[in-house]
C-alpha cells in the first residue's frame, strides 16, 4: 500500500514540478539575456541561442522553487481533500507520507550537485562565448558608445565607425573604417609601449575556424614609442593583429569540479593572477641585471654592450657602478671604446656615464647609455680632428649578463626565487626588498584569494543544491499543517525562508572570498539551518496532533 501511495504522490508532484520548472526556467533565462541585449551584444539569432543556453544554468535557481511549489500545491490538495487524513486512518504516519517528497527532493539535490559541478559551468562558458563570438557587433557597439575597445594589450578608440560594403579582397570577411583613431599597445607591466594616432584607419575582420582576428591599418599616423621616446610620422602604420575570441576571463564560475580542484596548480591561467607577475618579474630581472653589471665592473673593470641593429660593440672601462652611474677611479676618466664589425672605431673619455635599464614590449632588457664626452678620438686616424660622440646610445644589450627566464616559473617558484634573491644597490634606484616584498605580497594575496574563491564556489554550489530537498519537505509539511489556508499563501510562507537562505548563501560566499571561511560558512548554511528548524518544528507539531 505505501508504494502505491508513494507512486501516486510522486506522479502528482512531478506533473506540477515539470510544468513549473519549464515556465520558471524560460522566464529567468530571458531575464539573463536582458543585459547583453541592452548593450547590443546579441543579434536575433544569437539571442535565441543565448536564451537556450541560459536555460541550463538557470535551473539551479528554478529547481528548488519549482519543487517547493509543486510539493506545496499537491500536498495541500491532498490534505484539503482529506486524502492525508485517510492515509493516517489507514495506519500511515506523517513520516511515511512525507517519504516520497523527501526522496524526490534528495534525488533533485543529487542531480543539482552533479549539474552545478559538471554541466552548468560549461553552459556559463558557452553563454560567454556566444557574446564574444559576434566580434563585429561587440566591436561596433563599443566604438559607437565612445568607449575604448580592449583586446589583450591593445586598446582602440575612435570618434566614429562605419562598414564598407565592398569585399576587402585580402582574405578578410568584413572591413570597417574608423575616424579619429587612437590605439595604445601596453607592455607586460601594463605600461604604454607604443601609441598610435591617425585621421582614419581601416579594420579588417578575419573569421577563422576557432577565433576572429582584427587587423588595424592607420593612414597618416603618428607613432610614439615609449621605450626609446621616439616620435615618428608614417603614411601607414599597421599594429600587430589581435585575436577577439577568448576575451572573457576564465573564472572559477566557469569551471567544473575537477577544474576547480586542479586550479591551484595552474593559477597562471587566470588573467588577474597573471597580471601580477610582470611587475615582480621586471623587478627581479632589473635587480639581477644591475647586480651583474656592478660585479662585472668590480671584477674586470669593464662592461661590454652591443647594438645589434648597427652591428656595433661598446666596451666601457670604469672603476665602479653606483646608482646607475659608471664612475672612474680617482684622477681618471671613464673610457668607452666603440667597435664596428670587430674593428675599433672611436674612443670617448668622460667623467662619468649613466646606464638606464628598461624592458620592451616583449619583456627583453634594453640599455641606454648617456655620455657627456669630454674628448673623442678616432682610433682609425688618431691625428684626425675630434668627432662628435652621441649624447645617448639606445637599445644596447648586455653581453656577459645572461637573462633569467622568470616568466617560465610557476607562481610558487617565482615567489621562492624572489625570496631567495640577494639585493644590490647598483641600479639608479635602491632596489631594496621593499619592492620585491610588495610584488611577493601581491602575488601571494591573489593566490590566497583564488583558493578562497574555490572554497566559496564549491560550498555555494553544495548549499544551493541542499536548498532543493529542504524547500520540498518544508512546503509539503506547511501545506499539510495549514490545509485550511490558501495554497499560494502557504507557498509564500515557505518562499520567504528560501529567499532569505539564498541571500545568506550569497553573503556567505562573499565572506569566504574575503578570507573569512569559518564565518562565511556559518552565514552560508544558516539559511538552510533555519529551514531545517522549520521542518523539524512543523513535523513535531503535526505528529503531536
Protein backbone atom coordinates (compact mmCIF):
# COMPACT_ATOMS: atom_id res chain seq x y z
CA UNK A 1 0.00 0.00 0.00
CA UNK A 2 2.72 2.65 0.80
CA UNK A 3 4.42 2.02 -2.54
CA UNK A 4 1.17 2.61 -4.40
CA UNK A 5 0.53 5.81 -2.44
CA UNK A 6 4.08 7.00 -2.91
CA UNK A 7 3.83 6.43 -6.66
CA UNK A 8 0.55 8.34 -6.69
CA UNK A 9 2.04 11.26 -4.75
CA UNK A 10 5.21 11.36 -6.89
CA UNK A 11 3.23 11.36 -10.14
CA UNK A 12 1.09 14.26 -8.97
CA UNK A 13 4.11 16.24 -7.77
CA UNK A 14 6.08 15.58 -10.96
CA UNK A 15 3.25 16.89 -13.15
CA UNK A 16 3.23 20.25 -11.39
CA UNK A 17 7.01 20.27 -10.96
CA UNK A 18 7.79 19.79 -14.67
CA UNK A 19 5.34 22.48 -15.78
CA UNK A 20 6.51 24.95 -13.13
CA UNK A 21 10.17 24.31 -13.94
CA UNK A 22 9.62 24.92 -17.65
CA UNK A 23 7.91 28.24 -17.02
CA UNK A 24 10.42 29.47 -14.45
CA UNK A 25 13.46 28.45 -16.49
CA UNK A 26 12.26 30.28 -19.61
CA UNK A 27 11.38 33.43 -17.65
CA UNK A 28 14.68 33.51 -15.76
CA UNK A 29 16.69 32.69 -18.91
CA UNK A 30 15.07 35.58 -20.74
CA UNK A 31 15.89 37.83 -17.78
CA UNK A 32 19.53 36.77 -18.05
CA UNK A 33 19.57 37.92 -21.68
CA UNK A 34 18.30 41.44 -20.91
CA UNK A 35 21.74 42.88 -20.06
CA UNK A 36 23.57 41.74 -23.25
CA UNK A 37 20.53 42.77 -25.29
CA UNK A 38 20.56 46.25 -23.75
CA UNK A 39 24.27 46.55 -24.61
CA UNK A 40 23.68 45.50 -28.24
CA UNK A 41 25.92 42.47 -27.81
CA UNK A 42 23.48 39.95 -29.33
CA UNK A 43 21.70 39.71 -32.65
CA UNK A 44 18.32 37.99 -33.14
CA UNK A 45 19.77 34.51 -33.75
CA UNK A 46 22.36 34.88 -31.02
CA UNK A 47 19.65 35.98 -28.62
CA UNK A 48 17.69 32.78 -29.19
CA UNK A 49 20.86 30.75 -28.77
CA UNK A 50 21.83 32.67 -25.63
CA UNK A 51 18.40 32.10 -24.03
CA UNK A 52 18.54 28.41 -24.93
CA UNK A 53 21.99 28.06 -23.35
CA UNK A 54 20.87 30.03 -20.29
CA UNK A 55 18.08 27.57 -19.52
CA UNK A 56 20.54 25.03 -18.10
CA UNK A 57 22.39 27.38 -15.67
CA UNK A 58 19.08 28.93 -14.60
CA UNK A 59 17.88 25.53 -13.43
CA UNK A 60 19.97 25.84 -10.29
CA UNK A 61 17.70 28.72 -9.28
CA UNK A 62 14.43 27.39 -10.73
CA UNK A 63 14.54 23.78 -9.50
CA UNK A 64 14.37 24.47 -5.72
CA UNK A 65 11.43 26.83 -6.09
CA UNK A 66 9.68 24.57 -8.61
CA UNK A 67 9.88 21.52 -6.38
CA UNK A 68 8.80 23.58 -3.37
CA UNK A 69 5.85 24.98 -5.29
CA UNK A 70 4.84 21.54 -6.61
CA UNK A 71 5.05 19.86 -3.20
CA UNK A 72 3.09 22.69 -1.58
CA UNK A 73 0.23 22.58 -4.12
CA UNK A 74 -0.05 18.78 -4.30
CA UNK A 75 0.19 18.14 -0.57
CA UNK A 76 -2.25 20.98 0.13
CA UNK A 77 -4.77 19.43 -2.24
CA UNK A 78 -4.30 16.01 -0.66
CA UNK A 79 -4.72 17.49 2.81
CA UNK A 80 -7.72 19.70 1.95
CA UNK A 81 -9.45 16.72 0.24
CA UNK A 82 -8.89 14.66 3.39
CA UNK A 83 -6.71 12.19 1.49
CA UNK A 84 -3.93 12.71 4.03
CA UNK A 85 -6.45 12.02 6.78
CA UNK A 86 -7.40 8.77 5.04
CA UNK A 87 -3.76 7.76 4.90
CA UNK A 88 -3.39 8.47 8.60
CA UNK A 89 -6.55 6.49 9.35
CA UNK A 90 -5.14 3.52 7.44
CA UNK A 91 -2.16 3.41 9.78
CA UNK A 92 0.43 5.50 7.94
CA UNK A 93 2.42 8.07 9.90
CA UNK A 94 3.27 11.59 8.75
CA UNK A 95 6.85 10.43 8.26
CA UNK A 96 5.82 7.68 5.81
CA UNK A 97 3.54 10.09 3.97
CA UNK A 98 6.38 12.59 3.55
CA UNK A 99 8.92 9.94 2.48
CA UNK A 100 8.24 10.30 -1.30
CA UNK A 101 8.63 14.08 -1.02
CA UNK A 102 11.93 13.69 0.80
CA UNK A 103 13.17 11.07 -1.68
CA UNK A 104 12.25 13.28 -4.64
CA UNK A 105 13.95 16.26 -3.02
CA UNK A 106 17.04 14.17 -2.28
CA UNK A 107 17.24 12.93 -5.87
CA UNK A 108 16.83 16.50 -7.08
CA UNK A 109 19.61 17.64 -4.72
CA UNK A 110 21.97 14.99 -6.13
CA UNK A 111 21.03 15.99 -9.68
CA UNK A 112 21.70 19.64 -8.86
CA UNK A 113 25.07 18.77 -7.31
CA UNK A 114 26.07 16.97 -10.48
CA UNK A 115 24.78 19.78 -12.70
CA UNK A 116 26.40 22.69 -10.85
CA UNK A 117 29.75 20.90 -10.77
CA UNK A 118 29.82 19.49 -14.31
CA UNK A 119 27.24 20.71 -16.83
CA UNK A 120 26.26 24.21 -15.69
CA UNK A 121 29.82 25.68 -15.70
CA UNK A 122 30.21 24.58 -19.32
CA UNK A 123 26.97 26.31 -20.25
CA UNK A 124 28.08 29.50 -18.46
CA UNK A 125 31.17 29.34 -20.66
CA UNK A 126 29.11 28.78 -23.80
CA UNK A 127 26.98 31.79 -22.93
CA UNK A 128 30.06 33.98 -22.70
CA UNK A 129 31.39 32.55 -25.95
CA UNK A 130 28.11 33.44 -27.64
CA UNK A 131 28.55 37.06 -26.61
CA UNK A 132 32.19 37.14 -27.70
CA UNK A 133 31.60 35.22 -30.93
CA UNK A 134 29.86 38.04 -32.77
CA UNK A 135 33.02 40.10 -32.73
CA UNK A 136 31.85 42.74 -35.19
CA UNK A 137 28.71 43.54 -33.16
CA UNK A 138 30.72 43.88 -29.97
CA UNK A 139 33.40 45.97 -31.69
CA UNK A 140 30.91 48.32 -33.35
CA UNK A 141 28.78 48.82 -30.24
CA UNK A 142 31.82 49.60 -28.09
CA UNK A 143 33.18 52.19 -30.54
CA UNK A 144 29.73 53.75 -31.06
CA UNK A 145 29.33 54.11 -27.31
CA UNK A 146 32.50 56.21 -27.23
CA UNK A 147 34.44 53.65 -25.20
CA UNK A 148 37.87 52.12 -25.74
CA UNK A 149 37.81 48.61 -27.18
CA UNK A 150 40.14 46.39 -25.14
CA UNK A 151 41.90 43.49 -26.82
CA UNK A 152 44.64 41.88 -24.79
CA UNK A 153 47.41 44.51 -24.55
CA UNK A 154 45.81 46.74 -27.20
CA UNK A 155 43.22 49.47 -26.68
CA UNK A 156 41.44 51.10 -29.64
CA UNK A 157 39.39 54.30 -29.57
CA UNK A 158 37.70 56.14 -32.44
CA UNK A 159 35.31 59.05 -32.89
CA UNK A 160 33.20 57.15 -35.45
CA UNK A 161 32.85 53.86 -37.33
CA UNK A 162 31.11 52.64 -40.48
CA UNK A 163 31.30 49.49 -42.59
CA UNK A 164 32.37 49.28 -46.23
CA UNK A 165 30.03 47.18 -48.34
CA UNK A 166 32.75 46.23 -50.83
CA UNK A 167 34.58 42.97 -50.24
CA UNK A 168 38.10 43.74 -48.95
CA UNK A 169 39.78 41.26 -51.32
CA UNK A 170 42.64 40.44 -48.93
CA UNK A 171 41.10 37.41 -47.25
CA UNK A 172 39.18 39.48 -44.68
CA UNK A 173 35.47 38.87 -44.20
CA UNK A 174 34.47 42.43 -43.35
CA UNK A 175 36.08 45.87 -43.38
CA UNK A 176 35.31 48.88 -41.20
CA UNK A 177 36.55 52.46 -41.35
CA UNK A 178 37.37 54.34 -38.15
CA UNK A 179 37.66 58.12 -37.91
CA UNK A 180 39.68 59.98 -35.30
CA UNK A 181 41.61 56.91 -34.24
CA UNK A 182 43.89 56.33 -31.27
CA UNK A 183 45.42 52.99 -30.29
CA UNK A 184 47.72 52.05 -27.43
CA UNK A 185 49.85 48.94 -27.00
CA UNK A 186 50.79 48.01 -23.43
CA UNK A 187 53.81 46.02 -22.33
CA UNK A 188 53.82 43.12 -19.86
CA UNK A 189 53.90 45.57 -16.95
CA UNK A 190 50.71 47.29 -18.25
CA UNK A 191 52.71 50.38 -19.24
CA UNK A 192 52.37 52.09 -22.58
CA UNK A 193 54.94 50.80 -25.08
CA UNK A 194 53.56 52.29 -28.32
CA UNK A 195 50.88 54.87 -29.05
CA UNK A 196 49.25 55.37 -32.47
CA UNK A 197 47.08 58.29 -33.59
CA UNK A 198 45.64 58.80 -37.08
CA UNK A 199 42.99 60.69 -39.02
CA UNK A 200 41.31 57.45 -40.01
CA UNK A 201 42.01 53.73 -40.18
CA UNK A 202 40.69 50.57 -41.76
CA UNK A 203 39.88 47.50 -39.67
CA UNK A 204 39.74 44.11 -41.37
CA UNK A 205 37.84 41.33 -39.61
CA UNK A 206 39.01 37.78 -40.26
CA UNK A 207 36.65 34.98 -39.19
CA UNK A 208 38.90 31.96 -38.64
CA UNK A 209 37.85 28.48 -37.57
CA UNK A 210 38.33 28.95 -33.84
CA UNK A 211 38.85 32.68 -33.45
CA UNK A 212 38.34 36.07 -35.02
CA UNK A 213 41.18 38.47 -35.80
CA UNK A 214 41.23 42.24 -36.16
CA UNK A 215 43.86 43.85 -38.38
CA UNK A 216 44.21 47.62 -37.99
CA UNK A 217 45.80 49.82 -40.67
CA UNK A 218 46.20 53.54 -39.88
CA UNK A 219 46.64 56.23 -42.52
CA UNK A 220 48.86 59.28 -41.88
CA UNK A 221 49.69 58.01 -38.42
CA UNK A 222 51.84 59.44 -35.67
CA UNK A 223 53.66 56.83 -33.59
CA UNK A 224 55.17 57.35 -30.18
CA UNK A 225 57.40 54.61 -28.77
CA UNK A 226 57.81 54.68 -25.02
CA UNK A 227 60.94 52.51 -24.86
CA UNK A 228 63.11 54.97 -26.81
CA UNK A 229 60.84 58.05 -26.55
CA UNK A 230 60.75 58.40 -30.33
CA UNK A 231 58.02 60.29 -32.20
CA UNK A 232 57.57 59.19 -35.82
CA UNK A 233 55.15 60.15 -38.61
CA UNK A 234 54.40 57.45 -41.21
CA UNK A 235 51.98 57.33 -44.16
CA UNK A 236 50.60 54.00 -42.92
CA UNK A 237 51.00 52.11 -39.65
CA UNK A 238 49.87 48.56 -39.01
CA UNK A 239 49.91 47.35 -35.40
CA UNK A 240 50.01 43.63 -34.81
CA UNK A 241 46.77 41.72 -35.45
CA UNK A 242 44.82 40.86 -32.32
CA UNK A 243 42.52 37.93 -31.55
CA UNK A 244 38.93 38.61 -30.49
CA UNK A 245 37.89 35.22 -29.11
CA UNK A 246 38.70 34.31 -25.51
CA UNK A 247 38.42 37.93 -24.40
CA UNK A 248 36.43 36.96 -21.32
CA UNK A 249 38.38 35.77 -18.36
CA UNK A 250 38.33 32.11 -17.36
CA UNK A 251 36.80 32.47 -13.91
CA UNK A 252 36.09 29.77 -11.30
CA UNK A 253 32.41 30.33 -12.11
CA UNK A 254 33.04 28.68 -15.49
CA UNK A 255 34.98 25.72 -14.07
CA UNK A 256 33.81 22.23 -13.26
CA UNK A 257 34.53 20.41 -10.01
CA UNK A 258 37.69 18.75 -11.36
CA UNK A 259 38.93 22.02 -12.86
CA UNK A 260 38.45 23.82 -9.55
CA UNK A 261 40.42 21.14 -7.69
CA UNK A 262 43.31 21.39 -10.18
CA UNK A 263 43.22 25.21 -10.32
CA UNK A 264 45.82 25.82 -7.53
CA UNK A 265 48.45 24.09 -9.70
CA UNK A 266 47.66 26.23 -12.77
CA UNK A 267 46.77 29.67 -11.44
CA UNK A 268 48.89 31.28 -14.16
CA UNK A 269 45.89 30.74 -16.46
CA UNK A 270 43.84 33.28 -14.52
CA UNK A 271 44.19 36.74 -16.03
CA UNK A 272 44.15 38.75 -12.80
CA UNK A 273 46.84 36.47 -11.31
CA UNK A 274 48.93 36.59 -14.49
CA UNK A 275 48.81 40.41 -14.44
CA UNK A 276 50.50 40.45 -11.02
CA UNK A 277 53.52 38.52 -12.31
CA UNK A 278 55.12 41.00 -14.79
CA UNK A 279 55.85 43.77 -12.24
CA UNK A 280 57.56 41.26 -9.93
CA UNK A 281 59.40 39.65 -12.84
CA UNK A 282 60.60 43.04 -14.10
CA UNK A 283 61.84 43.96 -10.64
CA UNK A 284 63.67 40.65 -10.31
CA UNK A 285 65.24 41.00 -13.75
CA UNK A 286 66.31 44.56 -13.03
CA UNK A 287 67.85 43.58 -9.71
CA UNK A 288 69.72 40.62 -11.21
CA UNK A 289 70.99 42.63 -14.20
CA UNK A 290 72.17 45.60 -12.12
CA UNK A 291 73.89 43.18 -9.80
CA UNK A 292 75.58 41.55 -12.79
CA UNK A 293 76.70 44.93 -14.18
CA UNK A 294 78.13 46.02 -10.86
CA UNK A 295 80.03 42.79 -10.20
CA UNK A 296 81.37 42.68 -13.76
CA UNK A 297 82.87 46.15 -13.33
CA UNK A 298 84.25 45.32 -9.88
CA UNK A 299 85.92 42.13 -11.14
CA UNK A 300 87.15 43.12 -14.62
CA UNK A 301 86.90 46.92 -14.62
CA UNK A 302 84.82 46.93 -17.78
CA UNK A 303 81.33 46.32 -19.15
CA UNK A 304 80.57 45.17 -22.69
CA UNK A 305 77.41 46.20 -24.54
CA UNK A 306 76.29 45.58 -28.13
CA UNK A 307 73.97 47.33 -30.56
CA UNK A 308 72.59 44.51 -32.76
CA UNK A 309 70.78 46.89 -35.12
CA UNK A 310 74.06 48.60 -36.15
CA UNK A 311 76.46 45.69 -35.53
CA UNK A 312 78.40 47.75 -33.02
CA UNK A 313 80.03 46.86 -29.73
CA UNK A 314 80.98 49.12 -26.84
CA UNK A 315 83.47 48.34 -24.10
CA UNK A 316 83.17 50.65 -21.09
CA UNK A 317 86.13 50.92 -18.71
CA UNK A 318 85.14 52.15 -15.27
CA UNK A 319 86.02 51.57 -11.63
CA UNK A 320 82.58 51.13 -10.09
CA UNK A 321 78.81 51.35 -10.66
CA UNK A 322 76.82 53.44 -8.20
CA UNK A 323 73.08 54.09 -8.62
CA UNK A 324 73.32 53.53 -12.37
CA UNK A 325 76.34 55.79 -12.83
CA UNK A 326 79.64 54.47 -14.15
CA UNK A 327 82.44 56.19 -12.22
CA UNK A 328 86.20 56.07 -12.85
CA UNK A 329 88.98 55.65 -10.33
CA UNK A 330 90.20 58.81 -8.64
CA UNK A 331 92.08 61.05 -11.06
CA UNK A 332 90.97 59.06 -14.10
CA UNK A 333 88.07 59.09 -16.57
CA UNK A 334 85.53 56.63 -17.91
CA UNK A 335 86.71 55.23 -21.26
CA UNK A 336 84.27 53.99 -23.89
CA UNK A 337 85.62 52.20 -26.97
CA UNK A 338 83.35 51.69 -29.99
CA UNK A 339 83.84 48.67 -32.25
CA UNK A 340 82.17 48.25 -35.63
CA UNK A 341 82.30 44.83 -37.27
CA UNK A 342 85.04 43.84 -34.87
CA UNK A 343 87.28 46.88 -35.53
CA UNK A 344 87.94 49.65 -33.02
CA UNK A 345 86.47 52.89 -34.41
CA UNK A 346 86.35 55.56 -31.70
CA UNK A 347 87.18 56.17 -28.10
CA UNK A 348 85.47 58.64 -25.77
CA UNK A 349 86.55 59.91 -22.35
CA UNK A 350 84.08 61.20 -19.81
CA UNK A 351 83.94 61.99 -16.12
CA UNK A 352 81.02 59.59 -15.79
CA UNK A 353 78.37 57.76 -17.79
CA UNK A 354 74.84 56.78 -16.90
CA UNK A 355 73.11 53.50 -17.65
CA UNK A 356 69.32 53.35 -17.97
CA UNK A 357 67.66 49.94 -17.97
CA UNK A 358 64.24 49.35 -19.47
CA UNK A 359 62.22 46.47 -20.87
CA UNK A 360 60.49 46.47 -24.25
CA UNK A 361 57.06 45.04 -25.10
CA UNK A 362 58.49 41.51 -25.40
CA UNK A 363 59.97 41.89 -21.91
CA UNK A 364 63.56 41.85 -23.19
CA UNK A 365 66.13 44.09 -21.44
CA UNK A 366 67.37 47.19 -23.25
CA UNK A 367 70.02 49.61 -22.06
CA UNK A 368 70.50 53.27 -22.85
CA UNK A 369 73.95 54.77 -22.27
CA UNK A 370 74.09 58.51 -21.64
CA UNK A 371 77.55 60.04 -22.01
CA UNK A 372 78.83 63.61 -21.78
CA UNK A 373 82.12 63.03 -23.58
CA UNK A 374 84.99 65.40 -22.82
CA UNK A 375 87.15 64.17 -25.67
CA UNK A 376 86.64 61.80 -28.62
CA UNK A 377 89.47 60.08 -30.52
CA UNK A 378 89.21 58.47 -33.96
CA UNK A 379 91.15 55.22 -33.48
CA UNK A 380 91.45 54.68 -37.23
CA UNK A 381 93.22 58.01 -37.58
CA UNK A 382 94.33 59.40 -34.20
CA UNK A 383 95.58 62.63 -35.79
CA UNK A 384 92.20 63.43 -37.34
CA UNK A 385 90.07 66.18 -35.78
CA UNK A 386 87.88 65.10 -32.89
CA UNK A 387 84.47 63.76 -33.84
CA UNK A 388 81.21 64.20 -32.02
CA UNK A 389 80.06 61.44 -29.65
CA UNK A 390 76.26 60.89 -29.41
CA UNK A 391 74.74 62.07 -26.17
CA UNK A 392 72.79 58.83 -25.77
CA UNK A 393 73.16 55.33 -27.19
CA UNK A 394 69.90 53.38 -27.22
CA UNK A 395 68.78 49.76 -27.41
CA UNK A 396 72.00 48.23 -26.19
CA UNK A 397 72.17 44.65 -24.97
CA UNK A 398 74.50 43.40 -22.21
CA UNK A 399 76.88 40.64 -23.30
CA UNK A 400 78.09 38.92 -20.14
CA UNK A 401 74.80 39.01 -18.21
CA UNK A 402 72.53 36.16 -19.27
CA UNK A 403 68.85 36.78 -18.73
CA UNK A 404 66.96 34.61 -16.26
CA UNK A 405 63.66 33.32 -17.68
CA UNK A 406 61.46 34.11 -14.69
CA UNK A 407 58.35 34.09 -16.90
CA UNK A 408 58.60 30.30 -17.24
CA UNK A 409 58.48 29.79 -13.48
CA UNK A 410 55.28 28.87 -11.69
CA UNK A 411 53.88 31.21 -9.05
CA UNK A 412 55.42 29.20 -6.22
CA UNK A 413 58.80 29.03 -7.98
CA UNK A 414 58.66 32.75 -8.72
CA UNK A 415 57.93 33.59 -5.08
CA UNK A 416 60.75 31.29 -3.93
CA UNK A 417 63.18 32.90 -6.38
CA UNK A 418 62.20 36.38 -5.22
CA UNK A 419 62.50 35.42 -1.55
CA UNK A 420 66.00 33.95 -2.04
CA UNK A 421 67.30 36.90 -4.07
CA UNK A 422 70.22 38.95 -2.75
CA UNK A 423 69.58 42.64 -3.23
CA UNK A 424 72.18 45.00 -4.63
CA UNK A 425 72.36 48.78 -4.86
CA UNK A 426 73.97 49.20 -8.25
CA UNK A 427 70.87 50.48 -10.05
CA UNK A 428 69.54 54.03 -10.34
CA UNK A 429 67.06 53.21 -7.58
CA UNK A 430 67.84 51.29 -4.47
CA UNK A 431 66.08 48.06 -5.35
CA UNK A 432 65.68 47.02 -1.77
CA UNK A 433 63.49 44.24 -0.55
CA UNK A 434 60.55 46.66 -0.27
CA UNK A 435 59.65 46.41 -3.98
CA UNK A 436 60.29 42.69 -4.03
CA UNK A 437 58.18 42.13 -0.94
CA UNK A 438 55.39 44.22 -2.41
CA UNK A 439 55.38 42.06 -5.52
CA UNK A 440 55.54 38.86 -3.48
CA UNK A 441 52.77 40.07 -1.18
CA UNK A 442 50.52 40.99 -4.12
CA UNK A 443 51.03 37.62 -5.82
CA UNK A 444 50.53 35.68 -2.60
CA UNK A 445 47.39 37.66 -1.81
CA UNK A 446 45.91 36.86 -5.23
CA UNK A 447 46.77 33.19 -4.84
CA UNK A 448 45.04 33.09 -1.48
CA UNK A 449 42.04 34.89 -2.98
CA UNK A 450 41.78 32.23 -5.68
CA UNK A 451 41.96 29.46 -3.06
CA UNK A 452 39.26 31.18 -1.02
CA UNK A 453 37.13 31.56 -4.15
CA UNK A 454 37.49 27.83 -4.89
CA UNK A 455 36.22 27.01 -1.39
CA UNK A 456 33.45 29.61 -1.72
CA UNK A 457 32.34 28.32 -5.11
CA UNK A 458 32.23 24.65 -4.05
CA UNK A 459 30.45 25.47 -0.79
CA UNK A 460 27.93 27.71 -2.55
CA UNK A 461 27.10 25.00 -5.08
CA UNK A 462 26.54 22.48 -2.30
CA UNK A 463 24.38 24.82 -0.23
CA UNK A 464 22.23 25.75 -3.25
CA UNK A 465 21.68 22.08 -4.03
CA UNK A 466 20.64 21.24 -0.47
CA UNK A 467 18.04 24.01 -0.68
CA UNK A 468 16.01 21.81 -3.06
CA UNK A 469 15.30 18.98 -0.61
CA UNK A 470 14.70 21.40 2.27
CA UNK A 471 12.23 23.53 0.33
CA UNK A 472 10.36 20.45 -0.92
CA UNK A 473 9.89 18.94 2.55
CA UNK A 474 9.16 22.30 4.17
CA UNK A 475 6.49 23.13 1.56
CA UNK A 476 4.85 19.74 1.98
CA UNK A 477 4.74 19.92 5.79
CA UNK A 478 3.43 23.50 5.82
CA UNK A 479 0.75 22.56 3.28
CA UNK A 480 -0.48 19.71 5.48
CA UNK A 481 -0.30 21.78 8.62
CA UNK A 482 -2.20 24.76 7.15
CA UNK A 483 -4.54 22.72 4.95
CA UNK A 484 -7.40 25.15 5.52
CA UNK A 485 -5.45 28.10 4.16
CA UNK A 486 -4.85 29.22 0.58
CA UNK A 487 -2.07 27.22 -1.13
CA UNK A 488 -0.37 30.33 -2.54
CA UNK A 489 -0.29 31.90 0.91
CA UNK A 490 1.29 28.74 2.28
CA UNK A 491 3.84 28.77 -0.54
CA UNK A 492 4.64 32.39 0.22
CA UNK A 493 5.34 31.38 3.83
CA UNK A 494 7.78 28.75 2.56
CA UNK A 495 9.07 31.07 -0.16
CA UNK A 496 10.34 33.76 2.20
CA UNK A 497 12.75 31.48 4.16
CA UNK A 498 14.02 30.14 0.83
CA UNK A 499 14.75 33.66 -0.44
CA UNK A 500 16.48 34.51 2.84
CA UNK A 501 18.51 31.30 2.53
CA UNK A 502 19.68 32.19 -0.98
CA UNK A 503 20.64 35.70 0.15
CA UNK A 504 22.59 34.21 3.07
CA UNK A 505 24.29 31.76 0.72
CA UNK A 506 25.40 34.68 -1.46
CA UNK A 507 26.56 36.67 1.57
CA UNK A 508 28.45 33.68 2.95
CA UNK A 509 30.13 33.18 -0.40
CA UNK A 510 31.39 36.75 -0.37
CA UNK A 511 32.63 36.35 3.22
CA UNK A 512 34.59 33.22 2.29
CA UNK A 513 36.10 35.07 -0.68
CA UNK A 514 37.22 37.73 1.82
CA UNK A 515 39.17 35.09 3.76
CA UNK A 516 36.52 34.60 6.44
CA UNK A 517 36.00 30.90 5.83
CA UNK A 518 34.54 30.00 9.22
CA UNK A 519 32.20 32.97 9.49
CA UNK A 520 31.29 32.75 5.82
CA UNK A 521 30.39 29.07 6.15
CA UNK A 522 28.21 29.83 9.18
CA UNK A 523 26.40 32.58 7.27
CA UNK A 524 26.04 30.43 4.17
CA UNK A 525 24.48 27.46 5.95
CA UNK A 526 22.40 29.47 8.45
CA UNK A 527 19.54 29.88 5.97
CA UNK A 528 19.39 26.15 5.29
CA UNK A 529 19.64 25.52 9.04
CA UNK A 530 16.67 27.86 9.58
CA UNK A 531 14.61 25.93 7.02
CA UNK A 532 15.64 22.71 8.75
CA UNK A 533 14.36 24.09 12.04
CA UNK A 534 11.04 24.97 10.40
CA UNK A 535 10.82 21.40 9.08
CA UNK A 536 11.52 19.84 12.48
CA UNK A 537 9.11 22.19 14.26
CA UNK A 538 6.32 21.61 11.72
CA UNK A 539 6.76 17.84 11.78
CA UNK A 540 6.55 17.61 15.55
CA UNK A 541 3.52 19.90 15.59
CA UNK A 542 1.80 17.53 13.14
CA UNK A 543 2.96 14.35 14.87
CA UNK A 544 1.74 15.61 18.26
CA UNK A 545 -1.73 16.14 16.87
